[in-house]
């Protein structure tokens, strides 16, 4: 009888832990543009890929510390990660 209570406790603990694991939301282009405008970033410079929805990418040449901070705050608040690509150098 006692092993049943232990087994039931383990099952309930496992179910409660799996309830915490959620998939991140994929934001639309208009939502990301609105966030970008609020942070002083141009439209199209904030991207979220469907393959990895946990990462929000900021494509901006030399973003200011205020822009980085604003975007980092928004992503942290939504349990996402911010990746900043400052510049792309092409070589011949």
PDB file of N, CA and C in Angstrom:
ATOM      1  N   UNK A   1       0.820  -1.197   0.000  1.00  0.00           N
ATOM      2  CA  UNK A   1       0.000   0.000   0.000  1.00  0.00           C
ATOM      3  C   UNK A   1       0.866   1.264   0.000  1.00  0.00           C
ATOM      4  N   UNK A   2       1.954   1.214   0.746  1.00  0.00           N
ATOM      5  CA  UNK A   2       2.814   2.376   0.860  1.00  0.00           C
ATOM      6  C   UNK A   2       3.495   2.703  -0.475  1.00  0.00           C
ATOM      7  N   UNK A   3       3.862   1.693  -1.252  1.00  0.00           N
ATOM      8  CA  UNK A   3       4.518   1.917  -2.539  1.00  0.00           C
ATOM      9  C   UNK A   3       3.580   2.609  -3.513  1.00  0.00           C
ATOM     10  N   UNK A   4       2.273   2.422  -3.363  1.00  0.00           N
ATOM     11  CA  UNK A   4       1.306   3.101  -4.243  1.00  0.00           C
ATOM     12  C   UNK A   4       1.340   4.604  -4.026  1.00  0.00           C
ATOM     13  N   UNK A   5       1.465   5.020  -2.777  1.00  0.00           N
ATOM     14  CA  UNK A   5       1.538   6.450  -2.484  1.00  0.00           C
ATOM     15  C   UNK A   5       2.831   7.058  -3.025  1.00  0.00           C
ATOM     16  N   UNK A   6       3.922   6.309  -2.921  1.00  0.00           N
ATOM     17  CA  UNK A   6       5.188   6.794  -3.473  1.00  0.00           C
ATOM     18  C   UNK A   6       5.099   6.909  -4.993  1.00  0.00           C
ATOM     19  N   UNK A   7       4.523   5.902  -5.619  1.00  0.00           N
ATOM     20  CA  UNK A   7       4.379   5.921  -7.072  1.00  0.00           C
ATOM     21  C   UNK A   7       3.479   7.073  -7.503  1.00  0.00           C
ATOM     22  N   UNK A   8       2.357   7.265  -6.812  1.00  0.00           N
ATOM     23  CA  UNK A   8       1.449   8.363  -7.130  1.00  0.00           C
ATOM     24  C   UNK A   8       2.143   9.714  -6.948  1.00  0.00           C
ATOM     25  N   UNK A   9       2.961   9.837  -5.900  1.00  0.00           N
ATOM     26  CA  UNK A   9       3.708  11.079  -5.673  1.00  0.00           C
ATOM     27  C   UNK A   9       4.707  11.359  -6.787  1.00  0.00           C
ATOM     28  N   UNK A  10       5.391  10.316  -7.243  1.00  0.00           N
ATOM     29  CA  UNK A  10       6.351  10.503  -8.336  1.00  0.00           C
ATOM     30  C   UNK A  10       5.634  10.892  -9.631  1.00  0.00           C
ATOM     31  N   UNK A  11       4.492  10.287  -9.903  1.00  0.00           N
ATOM     32  CA  UNK A  11       3.742  10.628 -11.116  1.00  0.00           C
ATOM     33  C   UNK A  11       3.262  12.064 -11.056  1.00  0.00           C
ATOM     34  N   UNK A  12       2.734  12.486  -9.920  1.00  0.00           N
ATOM     35  CA  UNK A  12       2.278  13.871  -9.774  1.00  0.00           C
ATOM     36  C   UNK A  12       3.430  14.863  -9.899  1.00  0.00           C
ATOM     37  N   UNK A  13       4.592  14.531  -9.352  1.00  0.00           N
ATOM     38  CA  UNK A  13       5.757  15.408  -9.478  1.00  0.00           C
ATOM     39  C   UNK A  13       6.196  15.519 -10.935  1.00  0.00           C
ATOM     40  N   UNK A  14       6.195  14.413 -11.659  1.00  0.00           N
ATOM     41  CA  UNK A  14       6.592  14.444 -13.071  1.00  0.00           C
ATOM     42  C   UNK A  14       5.600  15.252 -13.890  1.00  0.00           C
ATOM     43  N   UNK A  15       4.321  15.103 -13.618  1.00  0.00           N
ATOM     44  CA  UNK A  15       3.314  15.872 -14.352  1.00  0.00           C
ATOM     45  C   UNK A  15       3.411  17.358 -14.055  1.00  0.00           C
ATOM     46  N   UNK A  16       3.710  17.720 -12.822  1.00  0.00           N
ATOM     47  CA  UNK A  16       3.822  19.140 -12.491  1.00  0.00           C
ATOM     48  C   UNK A  16       5.046  19.763 -13.162  1.00  0.00           C
ATOM     49  N   UNK A  17       6.129  19.003 -13.305  1.00  0.00           N
ATOM     50  CA  UNK A  17       7.316  19.535 -13.988  1.00  0.00           C
ATOM     51  C   UNK A  17       7.085  19.688 -15.483  1.00  0.00           C
ATOM     52  N   UNK A  18       6.364  18.779 -16.098  1.00  0.00           N
ATOM     53  CA  UNK A  18       6.112  18.899 -17.529  1.00  0.00           C
ATOM     54  C   UNK A  18       5.148  20.023 -17.830  1.00  0.00           C
ATOM     55  N   UNK A  19       4.327  20.409 -16.866  1.00  0.00           N
ATOM     56  CA  UNK A  19       3.410  21.520 -17.080  1.00  0.00           C
ATOM     57  C   UNK A  19       4.155  22.842 -17.184  1.00  0.00           C
ATOM     58  N   UNK A  20       5.352  22.933 -16.613  1.00  0.00           N
ATOM     59  CA  UNK A  20       6.139  24.162 -16.655  1.00  0.00           C
ATOM     60  C   UNK A  20       6.818  24.367 -18.005  1.00  0.00           C
ATOM     61  N   UNK A  21       7.059  23.317 -18.737  1.00  0.00           N
ATOM     62  CA  UNK A  21       7.757  23.405 -20.017  1.00  0.00           C
ATOM     63  C   UNK A  21       6.766  23.836 -21.092  1.00  0.00           C
ATOM     64  N   UNK A  22       6.916  25.062 -21.557  1.00  0.00           N
ATOM     65  CA  UNK A  22       6.031  25.582 -22.592  1.00  0.00           C
ATOM     66  C   UNK A  22       6.848  25.912 -23.828  1.00  0.00           C
ATOM     67  N   UNK A  23       6.201  25.881 -24.956  1.00  0.00           N
ATOM     68  CA  UNK A  23       6.857  26.273 -26.191  1.00  0.00           C
ATOM     69  C   UNK A  23       6.733  27.780 -26.351  1.00  0.00           C
ATOM     70  N   UNK A  24       7.780  28.438 -26.794  1.00  0.00           N
ATOM     71  CA  UNK A  24       7.721  29.892 -26.949  1.00  0.00           C
ATOM     72  C   UNK A  24       6.788  30.291 -28.083  1.00  0.00           C
ATOM     73  N   UNK A  25       6.236  31.447 -27.937  1.00  0.00           N
ATOM     74  CA  UNK A  25       5.310  31.981 -28.916  1.00  0.00           C
ATOM     75  C   UNK A  25       6.081  32.581 -30.096  1.00  0.00           C
ATOM     76  N   UNK A  26       5.556  32.390 -31.281  1.00  0.00           N
ATOM     77  CA  UNK A  26       6.133  32.994 -32.473  1.00  0.00           C
ATOM     78  C   UNK A  26       5.386  34.296 -32.742  1.00  0.00           C
ATOM     79  N   UNK A  27       6.080  35.420 -32.630  1.00  0.00           N
ATOM     80  CA  UNK A  27       5.463  36.731 -32.794  1.00  0.00           C
ATOM     81  C   UNK A  27       5.361  37.079 -34.270  1.00  0.00           C
ATOM     82  N   UNK A  28       4.319  37.815 -34.631  1.00  0.00           N
ATOM     83  CA  UNK A  28       4.119  38.213 -36.025  1.00  0.00           C
ATOM     84  C   UNK A  28       5.070  39.361 -36.375  1.00  0.00           C
ATOM     85  N   UNK A  29       5.184  39.629 -37.665  1.00  0.00           N
ATOM     86  CA  UNK A  29       6.056  40.721 -38.123  1.00  0.00           C
ATOM     87  C   UNK A  29       5.574  42.069 -37.619  1.00  0.00           C
ATOM     88  N   UNK A  30       4.266  42.256 -37.547  1.00  0.00           N
ATOM     89  CA  UNK A  30       3.742  43.536 -37.063  1.00  0.00           C
ATOM     90  C   UNK A  30       4.035  43.727 -35.579  1.00  0.00           C
ATOM     91  N   UNK A  31       3.964  42.649 -34.798  1.00  0.00           N
ATOM     92  CA  UNK A  31       4.295  42.752 -33.370  1.00  0.00           C
ATOM     93  C   UNK A  31       5.773  43.061 -33.176  1.00  0.00           C
ATOM     94  N   UNK A  32       6.627  42.393 -33.954  1.00  0.00           N
ATOM     95  CA  UNK A  32       8.063  42.654 -33.845  1.00  0.00           C
ATOM     96  C   UNK A  32       8.414  44.063 -34.335  1.00  0.00           C
ATOM     97  N   UNK A  33       7.714  44.541 -35.349  1.00  0.00           N
ATOM     98  CA  UNK A  33       7.942  45.911 -35.828  1.00  0.00           C
ATOM     99  C   UNK A  33       7.530  46.925 -34.773  1.00  0.00           C
ATOM    100  N   UNK A  34       6.435  46.658 -34.082  1.00  0.00           N
ATOM    101  CA  UNK A  34       5.983  47.557 -33.017  1.00  0.00           C
ATOM    102  C   UNK A  34       6.993  47.612 -31.881  1.00  0.00           C
ATOM    103  N   UNK A  35       7.547  46.469 -31.541  1.00  0.00           N
ATOM    104  CA  UNK A  35       8.579  46.424 -30.499  1.00  0.00           C
ATOM    105  C   UNK A  35       9.813  47.177 -30.975  1.00  0.00           C
ATOM    106  N   UNK A  36      10.188  46.977 -32.230  1.00  0.00           N
ATOM    107  CA  UNK A  36      11.335  47.679 -32.785  1.00  0.00           C
ATOM    108  C   UNK A  36      11.153  49.187 -32.763  1.00  0.00           C
ATOM    109  N   UNK A  37       9.970  49.643 -33.155  1.00  0.00           N
ATOM    110  CA  UNK A  37       9.691  51.088 -33.124  1.00  0.00           C
ATOM    111  C   UNK A  37       9.757  51.624 -31.700  1.00  0.00           C
ATOM    112  N   UNK A  38       9.239  50.860 -30.745  1.00  0.00           N
ATOM    113  CA  UNK A  38       9.272  51.295 -29.344  1.00  0.00           C
ATOM    114  C   UNK A  38      10.701  51.385 -28.827  1.00  0.00           C
ATOM    115  N   UNK A  39      11.581  50.557 -29.364  1.00  0.00           N
ATOM    116  CA  UNK A  39      12.984  50.557 -28.937  1.00  0.00           C
ATOM    117  C   UNK A  39      13.867  51.427 -29.829  1.00  0.00           C
ATOM    118  N   UNK A  40      13.298  52.090 -30.811  1.00  0.00           N
ATOM    119  CA  UNK A  40      14.073  52.963 -31.690  1.00  0.00           C
ATOM    120  C   UNK A  40      14.803  52.240 -32.792  1.00  0.00           C
ATOM    121  N   UNK A  41      14.281  51.091 -33.200  1.00  0.00           N
ATOM    122  CA  UNK A  41      14.891  50.289 -34.253  1.00  0.00           C
ATOM    123  C   UNK A  41      13.959  50.314 -35.468  1.00  0.00           C
ATOM    124  N   UNK A  42      14.516  50.321 -36.656  1.00  0.00           N
ATOM    125  CA  UNK A  42      13.709  50.368 -37.877  1.00  0.00           C
ATOM    126  C   UNK A  42      12.936  49.075 -38.085  1.00  0.00           C
ATOM    127  N   UNK A  43      11.887  49.174 -38.882  1.00  0.00           N
ATOM    128  CA  UNK A  43      11.082  47.995 -39.205  1.00  0.00           C
ATOM    129  C   UNK A  43      11.920  47.000 -39.997  1.00  0.00           C
ATOM    130  N   UNK A  44      11.777  45.740 -39.707  1.00  0.00           N
ATOM    131  CA  UNK A  44      12.521  44.701 -40.399  1.00  0.00           C
ATOM    132  C   UNK A  44      13.854  44.342 -39.778  1.00  0.00           C
ATOM    133  N   UNK A  45      14.276  45.065 -38.752  1.00  0.00           N
ATOM    134  CA  UNK A  45      15.553  44.775 -38.106  1.00  0.00           C
ATOM    135  C   UNK A  45      15.408  43.830 -36.914  1.00  0.00           C
ATOM    136  N   UNK A  46      14.170  43.550 -36.547  1.00  0.00           N
ATOM    137  CA  UNK A  46      13.894  42.589 -35.475  1.00  0.00           C
ATOM    138  C   UNK A  46      13.222  41.381 -36.117  1.00  0.00           C
ATOM    139  N   UNK A  47      13.829  40.196 -35.953  1.00  0.00           N
ATOM    140  CA  UNK A  47      13.371  38.991 -36.642  1.00  0.00           C
ATOM    141  C   UNK A  47      13.282  37.843 -35.638  1.00  0.00           C
ATOM    142  N   UNK A  48      12.296  36.991 -35.849  1.00  0.00           N
ATOM    143  CA  UNK A  48      12.177  35.750 -35.086  1.00  0.00           C
ATOM    144  C   UNK A  48      11.928  34.631 -36.090  1.00  0.00           C
ATOM    145  N   UNK A  49      12.801  33.644 -36.101  1.00  0.00           N
ATOM    146  CA  UNK A  49      12.696  32.541 -37.054  1.00  0.00           C
ATOM    147  C   UNK A  49      11.787  31.443 -36.508  1.00  0.00           C
ATOM    148  N   UNK A  50      11.039  30.804 -37.401  1.00  0.00           N
ATOM    149  CA  UNK A  50      10.135  29.728 -37.002  1.00  0.00           C
ATOM    150  C   UNK A  50      10.903  28.486 -36.553  1.00  0.00           C
ATOM    151  N   UNK A  51      12.115  28.287 -37.080  1.00  0.00           N
ATOM    152  CA  UNK A  51      12.907  27.113 -36.718  1.00  0.00           C
ATOM    153  C   UNK A  51      13.388  27.183 -35.276  1.00  0.00           C
ATOM    154  N   UNK A  52      13.644  28.373 -34.773  1.00  0.00           N
ATOM    155  CA  UNK A  52      14.119  28.556 -33.397  1.00  0.00           C
ATOM    156  C   UNK A  52      13.358  29.732 -32.777  1.00  0.00           C
ATOM    157  N   UNK A  53      12.135  29.492 -32.298  1.00  0.00           N
ATOM    158  CA  UNK A  53      11.311  30.603 -31.800  1.00  0.00           C
ATOM    159  C   UNK A  53      11.786  31.168 -30.461  1.00  0.00           C
ATOM    160  N   UNK A  54      12.740  30.534 -29.798  1.00  0.00           N
ATOM    161  CA  UNK A  54      13.233  31.058 -28.525  1.00  0.00           C
ATOM    162  C   UNK A  54      14.210  32.212 -28.703  1.00  0.00           C
ATOM    163  N   UNK A  55      14.644  32.473 -29.940  1.00  0.00           N
ATOM    164  CA  UNK A  55      15.651  33.495 -30.201  1.00  0.00           C
ATOM    165  C   UNK A  55      15.045  34.624 -31.036  1.00  0.00           C
ATOM    166  N   UNK A  56      15.247  35.840 -30.578  1.00  0.00           N
ATOM    167  CA  UNK A  56      14.874  37.034 -31.341  1.00  0.00           C
ATOM    168  C   UNK A  56      16.169  37.659 -31.825  1.00  0.00           C
ATOM    169  N   UNK A  57      16.245  37.953 -33.117  1.00  0.00           N
ATOM    170  CA  UNK A  57      17.475  38.458 -33.727  1.00  0.00           C
ATOM    171  C   UNK A  57      17.320  39.939 -34.031  1.00  0.00           C
ATOM    172  N   UNK A  58      18.305  40.719 -33.637  1.00  0.00           N
ATOM    173  CA  UNK A  58      18.351  42.153 -33.933  1.00  0.00           C
ATOM    174  C   UNK A  58      19.459  42.378 -34.951  1.00  0.00           C
ATOM    175  N   UNK A  59      19.077  42.714 -36.188  1.00  0.00           N
ATOM    176  CA  UNK A  59      20.030  43.061 -37.241  1.00  0.00           C
ATOM    177  C   UNK A  59      20.145  44.574 -37.254  1.00  0.00           C
ATOM    178  N   UNK A  60      21.240  45.098 -36.774  1.00  0.00           N
ATOM    179  CA  UNK A  60      21.405  46.556 -36.722  1.00  0.00           C
ATOM    180  C   UNK A  60      22.886  46.875 -36.720  1.00  0.00           C
ATOM    181  N   UNK A  61      23.285  47.832 -37.546  1.00  0.00           N
ATOM    182  CA  UNK A  61      24.678  48.272 -37.554  1.00  0.00           C
ATOM    183  C   UNK A  61      24.866  49.225 -36.379  1.00  0.00           C
ATOM    184  N   UNK A  62      25.734  48.834 -35.468  1.00  0.00           N
ATOM    185  CA  UNK A  62      26.090  49.605 -34.275  1.00  0.00           C
ATOM    186  C   UNK A  62      24.857  50.067 -33.505  1.00  0.00           C
ATOM    187  N   UNK A  63      24.095  49.138 -32.921  1.00  0.00           N
ATOM    188  CA  UNK A  63      22.944  49.564 -32.113  1.00  0.00           C
ATOM    189  C   UNK A  63      23.415  50.287 -30.852  1.00  0.00           C
ATOM    190  N   UNK A  64      22.666  51.287 -30.453  1.00  0.00           N
ATOM    191  CA  UNK A  64      23.037  52.040 -29.255  1.00  0.00           C
ATOM    192  C   UNK A  64      22.786  51.188 -28.012  1.00  0.00           C
ATOM    193  N   UNK A  65      23.443  51.525 -26.923  1.00  0.00           N
ATOM    194  CA  UNK A  65      23.195  50.778 -25.682  1.00  0.00           C
ATOM    195  C   UNK A  65      21.730  50.838 -25.244  1.00  0.00           C
ATOM    196  N   UNK A  66      21.066  51.948 -25.497  1.00  0.00           N
ATOM    197  CA  UNK A  66      19.651  52.063 -25.129  1.00  0.00           C
ATOM    198  C   UNK A  66      18.792  51.113 -25.963  1.00  0.00           C
ATOM    199  N   UNK A  67      19.115  50.984 -27.253  1.00  0.00           N
ATOM    200  CA  UNK A  67      18.370  50.057 -28.110  1.00  0.00           C
ATOM    201  C   UNK A  67      18.600  48.610 -27.685  1.00  0.00           C
ATOM    202  N   UNK A  68      19.842  48.266 -27.388  1.00  0.00           N
ATOM    203  CA  UNK A  68      20.157  46.914 -26.917  1.00  0.00           C
ATOM    204  C   UNK A  68      19.435  46.622 -25.602  1.00  0.00           C
ATOM    205  N   UNK A  69      19.476  47.570 -24.700  1.00  0.00           N
ATOM    206  CA  UNK A  69      18.853  47.390 -23.398  1.00  0.00           C
ATOM    207  C   UNK A  69      17.345  47.219 -23.520  1.00  0.00           C
ATOM    208  N   UNK A  70      16.724  48.013 -24.356  1.00  0.00           N
ATOM    209  CA  UNK A  70      15.283  47.928 -24.566  1.00  0.00           C
ATOM    210  C   UNK A  70      14.890  46.573 -25.142  1.00  0.00           C
ATOM    211  N   UNK A  71      15.618  46.130 -26.160  1.00  0.00           N
ATOM    212  CA  UNK A  71      15.320  44.832 -26.774  1.00  0.00           C
ATOM    213  C   UNK A  71      15.606  43.686 -25.804  1.00  0.00           C
ATOM    214  N   UNK A  72      16.686  43.792 -25.043  1.00  0.00           N
ATOM    215  CA  UNK A  72      17.022  42.753 -24.070  1.00  0.00           C
ATOM    216  C   UNK A  72      15.952  42.663 -22.983  1.00  0.00           C
ATOM    217  N   UNK A  73      15.449  43.799 -22.543  1.00  0.00           N
ATOM    218  CA  UNK A  73      14.392  43.807 -21.531  1.00  0.00           C
ATOM    219  C   UNK A  73      13.128  43.147 -22.075  1.00  0.00           C
ATOM    220  N   UNK A  74      12.760  43.472 -23.314  1.00  0.00           N
ATOM    221  CA  UNK A  74      11.552  42.892 -23.919  1.00  0.00           C
ATOM    222  C   UNK A  74      11.689  41.378 -24.067  1.00  0.00           C
ATOM    223  N   UNK A  75      12.845  40.904 -24.516  1.00  0.00           N
ATOM    224  CA  UNK A  75      13.025  39.463 -24.697  1.00  0.00           C
ATOM    225  C   UNK A  75      13.090  38.727 -23.364  1.00  0.00           C
ATOM    226  N   UNK A  76      13.771  39.300 -22.378  1.00  0.00           N
ATOM    227  CA  UNK A  76      13.837  38.656 -21.055  1.00  0.00           C
ATOM    228  C   UNK A  76      12.459  38.542 -20.421  1.00  0.00           C
ATOM    229  N   UNK A  77      11.658  39.570 -20.602  1.00  0.00           N
ATOM    230  CA  UNK A  77      10.312  39.583 -20.036  1.00  0.00           C
ATOM    231  C   UNK A  77       9.452  38.457 -20.606  1.00  0.00           C
ATOM    232  N   UNK A  78       9.755  38.045 -21.835  1.00  0.00           N
ATOM    233  CA  UNK A  78       9.000  36.984 -22.503  1.00  0.00           C
ATOM    234  C   UNK A  78       9.746  35.647 -22.517  1.00  0.00           C
ATOM    235  N   UNK A  79      10.799  35.537 -21.727  1.00  0.00           N
ATOM    236  CA  UNK A  79      11.601  34.318 -21.602  1.00  0.00           C
ATOM    237  C   UNK A  79      12.192  33.886 -22.945  1.00  0.00           C
ATOM    238  N   UNK A  80      12.698  34.861 -23.696  1.00  0.00           N
ATOM    239  CA  UNK A  80      13.353  34.624 -24.980  1.00  0.00           C
ATOM    240  C   UNK A  80      14.814  35.045 -24.873  1.00  0.00           C
ATOM    241  N   UNK A  81      15.592  34.737 -25.901  1.00  0.00           N
ATOM    242  CA  UNK A  81      16.997  35.125 -25.961  1.00  0.00           C
ATOM    243  C   UNK A  81      17.171  36.141 -27.079  1.00  0.00           C
ATOM    244  N   UNK A  82      18.036  37.114 -26.861  1.00  0.00           N
ATOM    245  CA  UNK A  82      18.320  38.129 -27.866  1.00  0.00           C
ATOM    246  C   UNK A  82      19.676  37.860 -28.491  1.00  0.00           C
ATOM    247  N   UNK A  83      19.701  37.804 -29.819  1.00  0.00           N
ATOM    248  CA  UNK A  83      20.944  37.681 -30.576  1.00  0.00           C
ATOM    249  C   UNK A  83      21.112  38.966 -31.373  1.00  0.00           C
ATOM    250  N   UNK A  84      22.235  39.627 -31.209  1.00  0.00           N
ATOM    251  CA  UNK A  84      22.496  40.902 -31.889  1.00  0.00           C
ATOM    252  C   UNK A  84      23.551  40.661 -32.959  1.00  0.00           C
ATOM    253  N   UNK A  85      23.200  40.986 -34.202  1.00  0.00           N
ATOM    254  CA  UNK A  85      24.156  40.934 -35.298  1.00  0.00           C
ATOM    255  C   UNK A  85      24.425  42.375 -35.689  1.00  0.00           C
ATOM    256  N   UNK A  86      25.626  42.852 -35.332  1.00  0.00           N
ATOM    257  CA  UNK A  86      25.948  44.263 -35.522  1.00  0.00           C
ATOM    258  C   UNK A  86      26.321  44.600 -36.953  1.00  0.00           C
ATOM    259  N   UNK A  87      27.066  43.749 -37.601  1.00  0.00           N
ATOM    260  CA  UNK A  87      27.502  44.033 -38.961  1.00  0.00           C
ATOM    261  C   UNK A  87      27.893  42.733 -39.641  1.00  0.00           C
ATOM    262  N   UNK A  88      27.818  42.753 -40.938  1.00  0.00           N
ATOM    263  CA  UNK A  88      28.253  41.615 -41.728  1.00  0.00           C
ATOM    264  C   UNK A  88      29.355  42.095 -42.647  1.00  0.00           C
ATOM    265  N   UNK A  89      30.508  41.459 -42.543  1.00  0.00           N
ATOM    266  CA  UNK A  89      31.647  41.849 -43.375  1.00  0.00           C
ATOM    267  C   UNK A  89      31.804  40.824 -44.484  1.00  0.00           C
ATOM    268  N   UNK A  90      31.727  41.314 -45.719  1.00  0.00           N
ATOM    269  CA  UNK A  90      31.903  40.437 -46.876  1.00  0.00           C
ATOM    270  C   UNK A  90      33.353  40.537 -47.336  1.00  0.00           C
ATOM    271  N   UNK A  91      33.969  39.397 -47.587  1.00  0.00           N
ATOM    272  CA  UNK A  91      35.332  39.394 -48.094  1.00  0.00           C
ATOM    273  C   UNK A  91      35.333  38.788 -49.493  1.00  0.00           C
ATOM    274  N   UNK A  92      36.264  39.220 -50.294  1.00  0.00           N
ATOM    275  CA  UNK A  92      36.367  38.707 -51.656  1.00  0.00           C
ATOM    276  C   UNK A  92      37.117  37.406 -51.720  1.00  0.00           C
TER     277      UNK A  92
END
